[in-house]
Amino acid sequence: MKNRHYPIKASDFIKEIEPHILNYYKRPGRPTGISHYHFFSAVLYVLKTGIPWRDVPTFYGHWHTIYKRFKRWSENGLFRHLLYLLQKKKKISLDCVWIDSTTVSLHRPGSGSLKKRSSVDRARS
């Protein structure tokens, strides 16, 4: 296992993070196909590199499974809670910025150059 793919050691994860997951998140149903450790490492990898979910390396597990669990954990506040705990213990240092088209508007000329009009279009105007 390469350090860049698994930034937290499995023993540290089991000792410091997994108890919080088990206390905070009790979900009935069948057991997960991907361990919490592999899932957490995959999400940290996505956050670090900025890659799309579909490009998550296959050794973490299926990208859609990872995305769905991340979405559930984000919606119920578990992922934020875990990141806060890790930052409080000085295990990680995070600076998060979320930017998309809903937060940053684009001025009209920023949408691209003008399209060339054909001679038929010019004759109509």
Protein backbone atom coordinates (compact mmCIF):
# COMPACT_ATOMS: atom_id res chain seq x y z
CA MET A 1 0.00 0.00 0.00
CA LYS A 2 1.36 3.35 -1.01
CA ASN A 3 1.28 6.19 1.47
CA ARG A 4 -0.37 8.60 -0.96
CA HIS A 5 -3.29 6.22 -1.48
CA TYR A 6 -3.68 5.44 2.21
CA PRO A 7 -2.74 8.60 4.13
CA ILE A 8 -3.79 7.15 7.50
CA LYS A 9 -2.40 3.86 8.77
CA ALA A 10 -4.98 1.11 9.23
CA SER A 11 -4.02 0.69 12.89
CA ASP A 12 -4.50 4.43 13.56
CA PHE A 13 -7.82 4.35 11.73
CA ILE A 14 -9.10 1.41 13.79
CA LYS A 15 -7.92 3.00 17.03
CA GLU A 16 -8.99 6.62 16.51
CA ILE A 17 -11.67 6.85 13.83
CA GLU A 18 -13.62 3.60 13.68
CA PRO A 19 -15.02 3.85 17.24
CA HIS A 20 -16.58 7.21 16.30
CA ILE A 21 -18.10 5.68 13.18
CA LEU A 22 -19.61 2.80 15.13
CA ASN A 23 -20.99 5.14 17.84
CA TYR A 24 -22.34 7.75 15.44
CA TYR A 25 -23.55 5.66 12.56
CA LYS A 26 -25.64 2.56 13.20
CA ARG A 27 -27.20 1.50 9.93
CA PRO A 28 -29.30 -1.65 9.77
CA GLY A 29 -29.02 -4.04 6.86
CA ARG A 30 -26.36 -6.14 5.28
CA PRO A 31 -22.68 -5.45 5.96
CA THR A 32 -20.83 -3.07 3.67
CA GLY A 33 -18.84 -4.47 0.76
CA ILE A 34 -16.05 -1.93 1.26
CA SER A 35 -14.42 -1.47 4.65
CA HIS A 36 -14.69 1.88 6.38
CA TYR A 37 -10.91 2.23 6.08
CA HIS A 38 -10.85 1.79 2.29
CA PHE A 39 -13.87 4.07 1.91
CA PHE A 40 -12.36 6.81 4.07
CA SER A 41 -9.03 6.60 2.23
CA ALA A 42 -10.84 6.79 -1.13
CA VAL A 43 -12.74 9.92 -0.11
CA LEU A 44 -9.55 11.58 1.16
CA TYR A 45 -7.93 10.71 -2.18
CA VAL A 46 -10.80 12.32 -4.11
CA LEU A 47 -10.68 15.42 -1.91
CA LYS A 48 -6.91 15.66 -2.27
CA THR A 49 -6.68 15.16 -6.03
CA GLY A 50 -10.02 16.59 -7.16
CA ILE A 51 -10.69 13.70 -9.53
CA PRO A 52 -14.25 12.80 -10.55
CA TRP A 53 -15.90 9.98 -8.61
CA ARG A 54 -15.86 7.75 -11.69
CA ASP A 55 -12.04 7.93 -11.74
CA VAL A 56 -11.52 6.56 -8.22
CA PRO A 57 -8.88 3.81 -8.45
CA THR A 58 -10.45 0.35 -8.42
CA PHE A 59 -8.41 -0.91 -5.48
CA TYR A 60 -10.58 1.25 -3.20
CA GLY A 61 -13.76 -0.38 -4.47
CA HIS A 62 -16.50 0.55 -6.91
CA TRP A 63 -16.77 4.31 -7.36
CA HIS A 64 -20.55 4.43 -7.09
CA THR A 65 -20.57 2.60 -3.76
CA ILE A 66 -18.00 5.03 -2.40
CA TYR A 67 -19.94 8.04 -3.70
CA LYS A 68 -23.27 6.85 -2.25
CA ARG A 69 -21.75 6.24 1.19
CA PHE A 70 -20.00 9.63 1.07
CA LYS A 71 -23.31 11.28 0.19
CA ARG A 72 -25.12 9.55 3.10
CA TRP A 73 -22.35 10.37 5.57
CA SER A 74 -22.23 13.99 4.40
CA GLU A 75 -25.98 14.43 4.66
CA ASN A 76 -26.16 13.09 8.22
CA GLY A 77 -23.03 15.00 9.33
CA LEU A 78 -20.81 12.01 10.07
CA PHE A 79 -18.09 12.87 7.55
CA ARG A 80 -17.82 16.44 8.80
CA HIS A 81 -17.66 15.14 12.37
CA LEU A 82 -14.79 12.76 11.49
CA LEU A 83 -12.82 15.47 9.71
CA TYR A 84 -13.32 17.79 12.66
CA LEU A 85 -12.02 15.11 15.06
CA LEU A 86 -8.96 14.45 12.91
CA GLN A 87 -8.18 18.12 12.60
CA LYS A 88 -8.66 18.60 16.35
CA LYS A 89 -6.14 15.80 17.04
CA LYS A 90 -3.79 17.39 14.45
CA LYS A 91 -3.81 14.26 12.28
CA ILE A 92 -4.87 16.22 9.20
CA SER A 93 -4.89 19.83 8.08
CA LEU A 94 -7.76 20.85 5.82
CA ASP A 95 -8.56 23.94 3.84
CA CYS A 96 -11.79 23.33 1.94
CA VAL A 97 -13.22 25.49 -0.78
CA TRP A 98 -16.32 24.42 -2.69
CA ILE A 99 -16.87 26.34 -5.92
CA ASP A 100 -19.31 25.61 -8.70
CA SER A 101 -21.59 27.45 -11.08
CA THR A 102 -24.18 28.10 -8.36
CA THR A 103 -21.75 30.13 -6.25
CA VAL A 104 -19.75 31.89 -8.97
CA SER A 105 -21.63 33.53 -11.80
CA LEU A 106 -19.99 34.01 -15.15
CA HIS A 107 -20.18 37.29 -17.05
CA ARG A 108 -21.71 37.17 -20.49
CA PRO A 109 -18.49 37.37 -22.56
CA GLY A 110 -17.00 34.63 -20.38
CA SER A 111 -19.13 31.99 -22.06
CA GLY A 112 -16.89 31.81 -25.11
CA SER A 113 -16.17 33.66 -28.30
CA LEU A 114 -18.88 34.77 -30.68
CA LYS A 115 -19.96 32.20 -33.21
CA LYS A 116 -19.42 33.02 -36.86
CA ARG A 117 -22.65 33.64 -38.65
CA SER A 118 -23.26 32.30 -42.12
CA SER A 119 -24.15 34.60 -45.05
CA VAL A 120 -27.78 33.45 -44.81
CA ASP A 121 -27.96 34.60 -41.18
CA ARG A 122 -26.45 37.95 -42.10
CA ALA A 123 -29.00 38.47 -44.87
CA ARG A 124 -31.87 37.89 -42.41
CA SER A 125 -30.70 40.56 -40.00
